[in-house]
Each structure stands twice: as structure tokens, then as C-alpha cells.
Amino acid sequence: MNAHLKGWLALADVVLLPVFILWFIWRLQFTARWTWIFFVVWLVASFLFQRDSPKTMGWRADNLWLATRRAFIGFGLMAAGLVAIGFLLGASPYLSPSLISWKRLVGYFAFCLLQQVALNSLVHNRMMYLVRNEWLGACLTGLIFAACHWPNPVLVPLTFGGGTAFAWMFGRVRNILPLAVGQALLGTLASGAFPIAWHHHFRVGPGYYTGGQF
């Protein structure tokens, strides 16, 4: 594949895929829910056309320990920050049993893994091809991640900061698994740290306005 075509396809990935995700969140999930399949097809097609390998996508074992050690520091600091916020907001020191049930944790980890594949294996990799600047690429990736969580006033700033950190760590050591584990941990802590009245059970899109009362 020539560089010109590769660049245009990368641009489509970082612009059109987030647009489709937002379209699905705000409209299609209510009118044509089956269209989620286009998201999966897009991911697979992009990886094939761009000739991604398991290493470029972050599916590897040779650097797992290095990636885990580096991620542990960043995630430890972010987790400490969420615990401190929870303390200041008067949150319970104990997480709800529903938040830490195995069924919920396994399902949430799978969801975080899918998000990391879309965010870093695809969007951040393409972003780095386009901008060739580590910090700018990470910040733009975080901005896209945050936009997909609009209008949640808790998730938007958290996902911008977290998405930027995820992308920066992925750019330094490409491995998806520690990032997915860290996201699942931070998401669980954030859910308990902030009042439900603020984050409405972490709903996004139109669901934010209807998901606060149960």
C-alpha cells in the first residue's frame, strides 16, 4: 500500500470511526441497533488493509511484564487520586457488592478490552502515523475518547485524562492487556468515588438524561 492511500485510510479511521460511534450512541442504537456490526467490520477491515500485526496492535507477551510495570505506576497514581476524590466527596469506603461481583468484573473487563483495541490498536496507531508527535497524538486520542462519552460531566474529563494516559503508555510500550485491566480498575473506583446523581451510572449520550433514576 502506498503512503498516500495509507494516510487517507488512517485519517478516515480517526475521523469517521468516532463519528459513527457517536451516531450510534445518539441515534442508531434506538433506530437500528443491529448497525453495531459495522463497528466490528470496520475494526477488522482497517487492521487488514493497514496490515497490522499482533505486535503493532498490542497483542503480545514478550513485553507484558515491562508494560505492566510501567502501567502500574500510572494507574497507581490515578487510583490514588480517585480514592482521594471519593474521600473528599464523602463516598463510602466500601465498594458496592454489585460493583465487585465476578460477573460484573469479567463483563466490564471484556468491554474495556474492546475499548482499548478501538482506542489504541486502531485510533492511536493511526493518529501517530498522521501527526508523528508522541504527546500530541496521545492528547488527540484522549480528546476523541472523551468526545465519545459526551455529555457525562464525570466521564468526559476522566476519559480525556485517562485516554491520553492510555495512549501515551501504549505508544511507549505496545501492550493492550495492562491497559484494559487498568481501565477496568479505574472505572470501578470512579463509579464508587462520585455520586450517582453526577454520573448517572456512567450513561452517555441520551441515556445520560434518562439513566439517573432507578
C-alpha atoms as a PDB file:
ATOM      1  CA  MET A   1       0.000   0.000   0.000  1.00  0.00           C
ATOM      2  CA  ASN A   2       1.403   3.399  -0.986  1.00  0.00           C
ATOM      3  CA  ALA A   3       1.916   6.066   1.649  1.00  0.00           C
ATOM      4  CA  HIS A   4      -0.705   8.402   0.164  1.00  0.00           C
ATOM      5  CA  LEU A   5      -3.503   5.835   0.409  1.00  0.00           C
ATOM      6  CA  LYS A   6      -2.313   4.692   3.835  1.00  0.00           C
ATOM      7  CA  GLY A   7      -2.547   8.268   5.085  1.00  0.00           C
ATOM      8  CA  TRP A   8      -6.091   8.759   3.792  1.00  0.00           C
ATOM      9  CA  LEU A   9      -7.228   5.485   5.363  1.00  0.00           C
ATOM     10  CA  ALA A  10      -5.619   6.499   8.669  1.00  0.00           C
ATOM     11  CA  LEU A  11      -7.448   9.835   8.520  1.00  0.00           C
ATOM     12  CA  ALA A  12     -10.739   8.015   7.899  1.00  0.00           C
ATOM     13  CA  ASP A  13     -10.105   5.848  10.953  1.00  0.00           C
ATOM     14  CA  VAL A  14      -9.503   8.772  13.329  1.00  0.00           C
ATOM     15  CA  VAL A  15     -12.362  10.908  11.983  1.00  0.00           C
ATOM     16  CA  LEU A  16     -15.112   8.714  10.545  1.00  0.00           C
ATOM     17  CA  LEU A  17     -14.999   5.849  13.054  1.00  0.00           C
ATOM     18  CA  PRO A  18     -15.567   8.184  16.063  1.00  0.00           C
ATOM     19  CA  VAL A  19     -18.327   9.907  14.076  1.00  0.00           C
ATOM     20  CA  PHE A  20     -20.011   6.546  13.513  1.00  0.00           C
ATOM     21  CA  ILE A  21     -19.673   5.659  17.206  1.00  0.00           C
ATOM     22  CA  LEU A  22     -21.297   8.972  18.189  1.00  0.00           C
ATOM     23  CA  TRP A  23     -24.032   8.424  15.602  1.00  0.00           C
ATOM     24  CA  PHE A  24     -24.708   5.008  17.085  1.00  0.00           C
ATOM     25  CA  ILE A  25     -24.760   6.329  20.665  1.00  0.00           C
ATOM     26  CA  TRP A  26     -27.069   9.230  19.894  1.00  0.00           C
ATOM     27  CA  ARG A  27     -29.304   7.734  17.224  1.00  0.00           C
ATOM     28  CA  LEU A  28     -28.706   4.303  15.720  1.00  0.00           C
ATOM     29  CA  GLN A  29     -28.933   2.297  18.942  1.00  0.00           C
ATOM     30  CA  PHE A  30     -32.578   3.373  19.119  1.00  0.00           C
ATOM     31  CA  THR A  31     -33.499   3.118  15.424  1.00  0.00           C
ATOM     32  CA  ALA A  32     -31.186   0.417  14.007  1.00  0.00           C
ATOM     33  CA  ARG A  33     -29.389  -1.321  16.845  1.00  0.00           C
ATOM     34  CA  TRP A  34     -28.068  -4.029  14.523  1.00  0.00           C
ATOM     35  CA  THR A  35     -25.691  -1.481  12.983  1.00  0.00           C
ATOM     36  CA  TRP A  36     -23.210  -2.180  15.805  1.00  0.00           C
ATOM     37  CA  ILE A  37     -21.896  -4.859  13.453  1.00  0.00           C
ATOM     38  CA  PHE A  38     -20.396  -2.094  11.275  1.00  0.00           C
ATOM     39  CA  PHE A  39     -18.109  -1.182  14.166  1.00  0.00           C
ATOM     40  CA  VAL A  40     -16.684  -4.728  14.256  1.00  0.00           C
ATOM     41  CA  VAL A  41     -16.398  -4.880  10.460  1.00  0.00           C
ATOM     42  CA  TRP A  42     -14.614  -1.503  10.453  1.00  0.00           C
ATOM     43  CA  LEU A  43     -12.053  -2.675  13.006  1.00  0.00           C
ATOM     44  CA  VAL A  44     -11.298  -5.898  11.169  1.00  0.00           C
ATOM     45  CA  ALA A  45     -11.162  -4.222   7.744  1.00  0.00           C
ATOM     46  CA  SER A  46      -8.838  -1.484   8.998  1.00  0.00           C
ATOM     47  CA  PHE A  47      -6.439  -3.962  10.589  1.00  0.00           C
ATOM     48  CA  LEU A  48      -6.365  -5.997   7.371  1.00  0.00           C
ATOM     49  CA  PHE A  49      -5.987  -3.068   4.964  1.00  0.00           C
ATOM     50  CA  GLN A  50      -3.292  -1.417   7.078  1.00  0.00           C
ATOM     51  CA  ARG A  51      -1.546  -4.785   7.512  1.00  0.00           C
ATOM     52  CA  ASP A  52      -1.403  -4.542  11.272  1.00  0.00           C
ATOM     53  CA  SER A  53       0.329  -7.325  13.158  1.00  0.00           C
ATOM     54  CA  PRO A  54      -0.287  -8.617  16.696  1.00  0.00           C
ATOM     55  CA  LYS A  55       2.762  -6.623  17.808  1.00  0.00           C
ATOM     56  CA  THR A  56       1.565  -3.302  16.378  1.00  0.00           C
ATOM     57  CA  MET A  57      -1.900  -3.937  17.831  1.00  0.00           C
ATOM     58  CA  GLY A  58      -0.502  -4.666  21.295  1.00  0.00           C
ATOM     59  CA  TRP A  59      -1.328  -8.368  21.399  1.00  0.00           C
ATOM     60  CA  ARG A  60       1.997  -9.691  22.597  1.00  0.00           C
ATOM     61  CA  ALA A  61       3.625 -11.464  25.524  1.00  0.00           C
ATOM     62  CA  ASP A  62       7.273 -10.511  25.134  1.00  0.00           C
ATOM     63  CA  ASN A  63       6.801  -7.064  26.690  1.00  0.00           C
ATOM     64  CA  LEU A  64       3.917  -7.890  29.030  1.00  0.00           C
ATOM     65  CA  TRP A  65       5.970  -7.556  32.220  1.00  0.00           C
ATOM     66  CA  LEU A  66       7.560  -4.280  31.114  1.00  0.00           C
ATOM     67  CA  ALA A  67       4.185  -2.835  30.102  1.00  0.00           C
ATOM     68  CA  THR A  68       2.623  -3.982  33.366  1.00  0.00           C
ATOM     69  CA  ARG A  69       5.372  -2.417  35.492  1.00  0.00           C
ATOM     70  CA  ARG A  70       5.105   0.897  33.691  1.00  0.00           C
ATOM     71  CA  ALA A  71       1.319   0.895  33.748  1.00  0.00           C
ATOM     72  CA  PHE A  72       1.296   0.064  37.454  1.00  0.00           C
ATOM     73  CA  ILE A  73       2.885   3.408  38.290  1.00  0.00           C
ATOM     74  CA  GLY A  74       0.462   5.451  36.213  1.00  0.00           C
ATOM     75  CA  PHE A  75      -2.607   3.518  37.265  1.00  0.00           C
ATOM     76  CA  GLY A  76      -1.487   3.592  40.896  1.00  0.00           C
ATOM     77  CA  LEU A  77      -1.345   7.397  40.839  1.00  0.00           C
ATOM     78  CA  MET A  78      -4.731   7.679  39.114  1.00  0.00           C
ATOM     79  CA  ALA A  79      -6.305   5.173  41.501  1.00  0.00           C
ATOM     80  CA  ALA A  80      -4.940   7.124  44.484  1.00  0.00           C
ATOM     81  CA  GLY A  81      -6.442  10.282  43.012  1.00  0.00           C
ATOM     82  CA  LEU A  82      -9.863   8.655  42.674  1.00  0.00           C
ATOM     83  CA  VAL A  83      -9.705   7.348  46.248  1.00  0.00           C
ATOM     84  CA  ALA A  84      -8.842  10.855  47.475  1.00  0.00           C
ATOM     85  CA  ILE A  85     -11.726  12.354  45.481  1.00  0.00           C
ATOM     86  CA  GLY A  86     -14.096   9.766  46.927  1.00  0.00           C
ATOM     87  CA  PHE A  87     -12.920  10.619  50.431  1.00  0.00           C
ATOM     88  CA  LEU A  88     -13.441  14.348  49.857  1.00  0.00           C
ATOM     89  CA  LEU A  89     -16.912  13.744  48.418  1.00  0.00           C
ATOM     90  CA  GLY A  90     -17.912  11.555  51.332  1.00  0.00           C
ATOM     91  CA  ALA A  91     -18.165   8.313  49.365  1.00  0.00           C
ATOM     92  CA  SER A  92     -18.455   5.035  51.226  1.00  0.00           C
ATOM     93  CA  PRO A  93     -15.057   3.419  51.925  1.00  0.00           C
ATOM     94  CA  TYR A  94     -16.565   0.127  50.722  1.00  0.00           C
ATOM     95  CA  LEU A  95     -17.425  -0.610  47.114  1.00  0.00           C
ATOM     96  CA  SER A  96     -20.904  -1.913  46.431  1.00  0.00           C
ATOM     97  CA  PRO A  97     -21.009  -5.746  46.107  1.00  0.00           C
ATOM     98  CA  SER A  98     -22.613  -5.287  42.684  1.00  0.00           C
ATOM     99  CA  LEU A  99     -19.532  -3.372  41.508  1.00  0.00           C
ATOM    100  CA  ILE A 100     -17.057  -6.073  42.511  1.00  0.00           C
ATOM    101  CA  SER A 101     -19.046  -9.191  41.617  1.00  0.00           C
ATOM    102  CA  TRP A 102     -17.141 -11.579  39.347  1.00  0.00           C
ATOM    103  CA  LYS A 103     -19.858 -11.495  36.699  1.00  0.00           C
ATOM    104  CA  ARG A 104     -19.735  -7.725  36.530  1.00  0.00           C
ATOM    105  CA  LEU A 105     -15.929  -7.546  36.595  1.00  0.00           C
ATOM    106  CA  VAL A 106     -15.480 -10.102  33.797  1.00  0.00           C
ATOM    107  CA  GLY A 107     -18.061  -8.369  31.621  1.00  0.00           C
ATOM    108  CA  TYR A 108     -16.598  -4.941  32.330  1.00  0.00           C
ATOM    109  CA  PHE A 109     -13.055  -6.140  31.585  1.00  0.00           C
ATOM    110  CA  ALA A 110     -14.215  -7.503  28.216  1.00  0.00           C
ATOM    111  CA  PHE A 111     -15.821  -4.142  27.457  1.00  0.00           C
ATOM    112  CA  CYS A 112     -12.630  -2.292  28.462  1.00  0.00           C
ATOM    113  CA  LEU A 113     -10.568  -4.632  26.293  1.00  0.00           C
ATOM    114  CA  LEU A 114     -12.750  -3.824  23.285  1.00  0.00           C
ATOM    115  CA  GLN A 115     -12.425  -0.117  24.023  1.00  0.00           C
ATOM    116  CA  GLN A 116      -8.642  -0.363  24.239  1.00  0.00           C
ATOM    117  CA  VAL A 117      -8.484  -2.193  20.914  1.00  0.00           C
ATOM    118  CA  ALA A 118     -10.513   0.563  19.262  1.00  0.00           C
ATOM    119  CA  LEU A 119      -8.751   3.383  21.116  1.00  0.00           C
ATOM    120  CA  ASN A 120      -5.131   2.272  20.874  1.00  0.00           C
ATOM    121  CA  SER A 121      -4.748  -0.629  18.444  1.00  0.00           C
ATOM    122  CA  LEU A 122      -6.622   1.418  15.875  1.00  0.00           C
ATOM    123  CA  VAL A 123      -7.166   5.118  16.637  1.00  0.00           C
ATOM    124  CA  HIS A 124      -3.889   5.878  18.410  1.00  0.00           C
ATOM    125  CA  ASN A 125      -1.818   3.878  15.933  1.00  0.00           C
ATOM    126  CA  ARG A 126      -3.409   5.806  13.069  1.00  0.00           C
ATOM    127  CA  MET A 127      -3.062   9.093  14.908  1.00  0.00           C
ATOM    128  CA  MET A 128       0.656   8.541  15.385  1.00  0.00           C
ATOM    129  CA  TYR A 129       1.029   7.816  11.676  1.00  0.00           C
ATOM    130  CA  LEU A 130      -0.627  11.159  10.912  1.00  0.00           C
ATOM    131  CA  VAL A 131       0.881  13.540  13.486  1.00  0.00           C
ATOM    132  CA  ARG A 132       4.240  11.874  14.310  1.00  0.00           C
ATOM    133  CA  ASN A 133       4.333  13.553  17.726  1.00  0.00           C
ATOM    134  CA  GLU A 134       4.019  11.414  20.846  1.00  0.00           C
ATOM    135  CA  TRP A 135       2.295  13.889  23.159  1.00  0.00           C
ATOM    136  CA  LEU A 136       0.088  15.489  20.512  1.00  0.00           C
ATOM    137  CA  GLY A 137      -1.000  12.077  19.283  1.00  0.00           C
ATOM    138  CA  ALA A 138      -1.840  10.957  22.825  1.00  0.00           C
ATOM    139  CA  CYS A 139      -3.797  14.149  23.593  1.00  0.00           C
ATOM    140  CA  LEU A 140      -5.794  13.953  20.361  1.00  0.00           C
ATOM    141  CA  THR A 141      -6.566  10.307  21.052  1.00  0.00           C
ATOM    142  CA  GLY A 142      -7.739  11.239  24.554  1.00  0.00           C
ATOM    143  CA  LEU A 143      -9.894  14.014  23.091  1.00  0.00           C
ATOM    144  CA  ILE A 144     -11.638  11.533  20.778  1.00  0.00           C
ATOM    145  CA  PHE A 145     -12.176   9.150  23.690  1.00  0.00           C
ATOM    146  CA  ALA A 146     -13.706  11.942  25.767  1.00  0.00           C
ATOM    147  CA  ALA A 147     -15.980  13.076  22.922  1.00  0.00           C
ATOM    148  CA  CYS A 148     -17.478   9.586  22.748  1.00  0.00           C
ATOM    149  CA  HIS A 149     -18.551   9.966  26.417  1.00  0.00           C
ATOM    150  CA  TRP A 150     -20.414  13.234  25.972  1.00  0.00           C
ATOM    151  CA  PRO A 151     -22.347  14.711  27.826  1.00  0.00           C
ATOM    152  CA  ASN A 152     -21.480  12.878  31.068  1.00  0.00           C
ATOM    153  CA  PRO A 153     -19.812  15.552  33.269  1.00  0.00           C
ATOM    154  CA  VAL A 154     -17.819  12.936  35.187  1.00  0.00           C
ATOM    155  CA  LEU A 155     -16.770  10.717  32.300  1.00  0.00           C
ATOM    156  CA  VAL A 156     -15.768  13.448  29.839  1.00  0.00           C
ATOM    157  CA  PRO A 157     -12.855  14.823  31.912  1.00  0.00           C
ATOM    158  CA  LEU A 158     -11.937  11.372  33.261  1.00  0.00           C
ATOM    159  CA  THR A 159     -11.827   9.802  29.818  1.00  0.00           C
ATOM    160  CA  PHE A 160      -9.832  12.686  28.402  1.00  0.00           C
ATOM    161  CA  GLY A 161      -7.179  12.318  31.097  1.00  0.00           C
ATOM    162  CA  GLY A 162      -7.353   8.532  31.122  1.00  0.00           C
ATOM    163  CA  GLY A 163      -7.496   8.197  27.338  1.00  0.00           C
ATOM    164  CA  THR A 164      -4.462  10.458  26.962  1.00  0.00           C
ATOM    165  CA  ALA A 165      -2.563   8.420  29.567  1.00  0.00           C
ATOM    166  CA  PHE A 166      -3.598   5.109  27.965  1.00  0.00           C
ATOM    167  CA  ALA A 167      -2.427   6.313  24.552  1.00  0.00           C
ATOM    168  CA  TRP A 168       0.868   7.630  25.898  1.00  0.00           C
ATOM    169  CA  MET A 169       1.585   4.348  27.697  1.00  0.00           C
ATOM    170  CA  PHE A 170       0.604   2.350  24.625  1.00  0.00           C
ATOM    171  CA  GLY A 171       2.898   4.454  22.460  1.00  0.00           C
ATOM    172  CA  ARG A 172       5.790   3.744  24.814  1.00  0.00           C
ATOM    173  CA  VAL A 173       5.177   0.007  25.240  1.00  0.00           C
ATOM    174  CA  ARG A 174       2.584  -1.569  22.966  1.00  0.00           C
ATOM    175  CA  ASN A 175       0.527  -3.969  25.050  1.00  0.00           C
ATOM    176  CA  ILE A 176      -3.250  -3.890  25.377  1.00  0.00           C
ATOM    177  CA  LEU A 177      -3.801  -6.170  28.382  1.00  0.00           C
ATOM    178  CA  PRO A 178      -2.401  -3.965  31.206  1.00  0.00           C
ATOM    179  CA  LEU A 179      -4.362  -1.022  29.828  1.00  0.00           C
ATOM    180  CA  ALA A 180      -7.630  -2.960  29.806  1.00  0.00           C
ATOM    181  CA  VAL A 181      -7.042  -4.175  33.373  1.00  0.00           C
ATOM    182  CA  GLY A 182      -6.173  -0.650  34.493  1.00  0.00           C
ATOM    183  CA  GLN A 183      -9.226   0.847  32.822  1.00  0.00           C
ATOM    184  CA  ALA A 184     -11.495  -1.718  34.492  1.00  0.00           C
ATOM    185  CA  LEU A 185      -9.934  -0.916  37.879  1.00  0.00           C
ATOM    186  CA  LEU A 186     -10.175   2.847  37.450  1.00  0.00           C
ATOM    187  CA  GLY A 187     -13.725   2.670  36.112  1.00  0.00           C
ATOM    188  CA  THR A 188     -14.802   0.642  39.132  1.00  0.00           C
ATOM    189  CA  LEU A 189     -13.162   3.074  41.552  1.00  0.00           C
ATOM    190  CA  ALA A 190     -14.625   6.088  39.744  1.00  0.00           C
ATOM    191  CA  SER A 191     -18.096   4.600  39.912  1.00  0.00           C
ATOM    192  CA  GLY A 192     -17.839   4.455  43.694  1.00  0.00           C
ATOM    193  CA  ALA A 193     -15.970   7.742  44.144  1.00  0.00           C
ATOM    194  CA  PHE A 194     -18.520  10.045  42.511  1.00  0.00           C
ATOM    195  CA  PRO A 195     -22.202  10.384  43.435  1.00  0.00           C
ATOM    196  CA  ILE A 196     -24.605   8.555  41.133  1.00  0.00           C
ATOM    197  CA  ALA A 197     -26.505  11.829  40.765  1.00  0.00           C
ATOM    198  CA  TRP A 198     -23.428  13.166  38.967  1.00  0.00           C
ATOM    199  CA  HIS A 199     -22.577  10.294  36.633  1.00  0.00           C
ATOM    200  CA  HIS A 200     -25.989   8.588  36.216  1.00  0.00           C
ATOM    201  CA  HIS A 201     -24.495   5.098  36.282  1.00  0.00           C
ATOM    202  CA  PHE A 202     -21.929   6.195  33.671  1.00  0.00           C
ATOM    203  CA  ARG A 203     -24.524   6.633  30.945  1.00  0.00           C
ATOM    204  CA  VAL A 204     -23.511   8.568  27.844  1.00  0.00           C
ATOM    205  CA  GLY A 205     -25.449  10.152  25.012  1.00  0.00           C
ATOM    206  CA  PRO A 206     -29.235  10.449  25.512  1.00  0.00           C
ATOM    207  CA  GLY A 207     -29.022   7.737  28.174  1.00  0.00           C
ATOM    208  CA  TYR A 208     -27.310  10.190  30.499  1.00  0.00           C
ATOM    209  CA  TYR A 209     -30.534  12.183  30.784  1.00  0.00           C
ATOM    210  CA  THR A 210     -32.691   9.130  31.496  1.00  0.00           C
ATOM    211  CA  GLY A 211     -30.257   6.892  33.420  1.00  0.00           C
ATOM    212  CA  GLY A 212     -30.024   8.715  36.720  1.00  0.00           C
ATOM    213  CA  GLN A 213     -33.164   7.411  38.331  1.00  0.00           C
ATOM    214  CA  PHE A 214     -33.626   3.747  39.302  1.00  0.00           C
END
